Amino acid sequence: MTVKLHKKENREAHKTDDYKIQELILRRRQAFDVTVTFNRDFNQEDDILVVQFVTGVVYSLLGLLPYRRN
């Protein structure tokens, strides 16, 4: 299985592409793209897909995110 996070496109869409850190940063309540490709056919009756979203450190408190005026 491979997972593509579309980091460049998602960072641009969420206006986080100018941040100093290069990890994928998403904003709450905004859609984002993820592509999951399995190495075999997915069987709805037998296979289980678990998606886990994790929040991390508040980077703005650490001074890692630039201040942006809109």
C-alpha atoms as a PDB file:
ATOM      1  CA  MET A   1       0.000   0.000   0.000  1.00  0.00           C
ATOM      2  CA  THR A   2       1.205   3.508  -0.764  1.00  0.00           C
ATOM      3  CA  VAL A   3      -0.175   6.787   0.517  1.00  0.00           C
ATOM      4  CA  LYS A   4       0.336  10.038  -1.364  1.00  0.00           C
ATOM      5  CA  LEU A   5      -0.368  13.160   0.708  1.00  0.00           C
ATOM      6  CA  HIS A   6      -0.171  15.653  -2.186  1.00  0.00           C
ATOM      7  CA  LYS A   7       1.946  17.815   0.098  1.00  0.00           C
ATOM      8  CA  LYS A   8       2.670  20.627  -2.374  1.00  0.00           C
ATOM      9  CA  GLU A   9      -0.932  20.966  -3.532  1.00  0.00           C
ATOM     10  CA  ASN A  10      -2.404  20.683  -0.026  1.00  0.00           C
ATOM     11  CA  ARG A  11       0.080  23.185   1.446  1.00  0.00           C
ATOM     12  CA  GLU A  12      -0.790  25.689  -1.287  1.00  0.00           C
ATOM     13  CA  ALA A  13      -4.542  25.145  -0.878  1.00  0.00           C
ATOM     14  CA  HIS A  14      -4.278  25.588   2.907  1.00  0.00           C
ATOM     15  CA  LYS A  15      -1.938  28.582   2.592  1.00  0.00           C
ATOM     16  CA  THR A  16       0.763  26.854   4.658  1.00  0.00           C
ATOM     17  CA  ASP A  17       3.348  26.602   1.865  1.00  0.00           C
ATOM     18  CA  ASP A  18       5.349  29.584   3.208  1.00  0.00           C
ATOM     19  CA  TYR A  19       5.888  28.035   6.642  1.00  0.00           C
ATOM     20  CA  LYS A  20       9.492  27.263   7.595  1.00  0.00           C
ATOM     21  CA  ILE A  21       8.828  23.619   8.433  1.00  0.00           C
ATOM     22  CA  GLN A  22       8.251  21.311   5.474  1.00  0.00           C
ATOM     23  CA  GLU A  23       5.746  18.871   6.994  1.00  0.00           C
ATOM     24  CA  LEU A  24       2.187  18.822   5.735  1.00  0.00           C
ATOM     25  CA  ILE A  25       0.146  21.345   7.700  1.00  0.00           C
ATOM     26  CA  LEU A  26      -3.618  21.374   7.179  1.00  0.00           C
ATOM     27  CA  ARG A  27      -6.177  23.816   8.462  1.00  0.00           C
ATOM     28  CA  ARG A  28      -9.305  22.702  10.278  1.00  0.00           C
ATOM     29  CA  ARG A  29     -12.528  22.439   8.309  1.00  0.00           C
ATOM     30  CA  GLN A  30     -10.785  22.548   4.920  1.00  0.00           C
ATOM     31  CA  ALA A  31     -10.822  19.665   2.468  1.00  0.00           C
ATOM     32  CA  PHE A  32      -7.545  17.991   1.497  1.00  0.00           C
ATOM     33  CA  ASP A  33      -6.464  15.315  -0.959  1.00  0.00           C
ATOM     34  CA  VAL A  34      -4.965  11.930  -0.111  1.00  0.00           C
ATOM     35  CA  THR A  35      -4.473   9.035  -2.520  1.00  0.00           C
ATOM     36  CA  VAL A  36      -4.250   5.489  -1.172  1.00  0.00           C
ATOM     37  CA  THR A  37      -3.097   2.802  -3.617  1.00  0.00           C
ATOM     38  CA  PHE A  38      -3.324  -0.820  -2.553  1.00  0.00           C
ATOM     39  CA  ASN A  39      -1.043  -3.566  -3.852  1.00  0.00           C
ATOM     40  CA  ARG A  40      -4.119  -5.739  -4.462  1.00  0.00           C
ATOM     41  CA  ASP A  41      -7.872  -5.348  -4.867  1.00  0.00           C
ATOM     42  CA  PHE A  42      -9.696  -4.053  -1.803  1.00  0.00           C
ATOM     43  CA  ASN A  43     -12.352  -6.472  -0.527  1.00  0.00           C
ATOM     44  CA  GLN A  44     -15.053  -4.633   1.450  1.00  0.00           C
ATOM     45  CA  GLU A  45     -16.208  -7.827   3.157  1.00  0.00           C
ATOM     46  CA  ASP A  46     -12.801  -8.950   4.453  1.00  0.00           C
ATOM     47  CA  ASP A  47     -10.512  -5.908   4.544  1.00  0.00           C
ATOM     48  CA  ILE A  48     -10.528  -3.152   7.129  1.00  0.00           C
ATOM     49  CA  LEU A  49      -9.206   0.309   6.392  1.00  0.00           C
ATOM     50  CA  VAL A  50      -8.339   2.477   9.387  1.00  0.00           C
ATOM     51  CA  VAL A  51      -7.509   6.159   8.916  1.00  0.00           C
ATOM     52  CA  GLN A  52      -5.987   7.980  11.862  1.00  0.00           C
ATOM     53  CA  PHE A  53      -5.568  11.756  11.995  1.00  0.00           C
ATOM     54  CA  VAL A  54      -3.133  13.071  14.570  1.00  0.00           C
ATOM     55  CA  THR A  55      -2.596  16.614  15.758  1.00  0.00           C
ATOM     56  CA  GLY A  56       0.811  17.797  16.804  1.00  0.00           C
ATOM     57  CA  VAL A  57       2.629  20.582  18.564  1.00  0.00           C
ATOM     58  CA  VAL A  58       1.281  24.089  18.183  1.00  0.00           C
ATOM     59  CA  TYR A  59       4.135  25.310  15.988  1.00  0.00           C
ATOM     60  CA  SER A  60       3.069  28.951  16.074  1.00  0.00           C
ATOM     61  CA  LEU A  61       3.895  29.001  19.782  1.00  0.00           C
ATOM     62  CA  LEU A  62       7.424  27.863  18.961  1.00  0.00           C
ATOM     63  CA  GLY A  63       7.941  30.676  16.447  1.00  0.00           C
ATOM     64  CA  LEU A  64       8.266  28.309  13.496  1.00  0.00           C
ATOM     65  CA  LEU A  65       5.384  29.761  11.501  1.00  0.00           C
ATOM     66  CA  PRO A  66       5.660  33.187   9.926  1.00  0.00           C
ATOM     67  CA  TYR A  67       3.090  35.804  10.758  1.00  0.00           C
ATOM     68  CA  ARG A  68       0.937  36.425   7.676  1.00  0.00           C
ATOM     69  CA  ARG A  69      -1.316  39.422   7.169  1.00  0.00           C
ATOM     70  CA  ASN A  70      -4.232  38.850   4.820  1.00  0.00           C
END
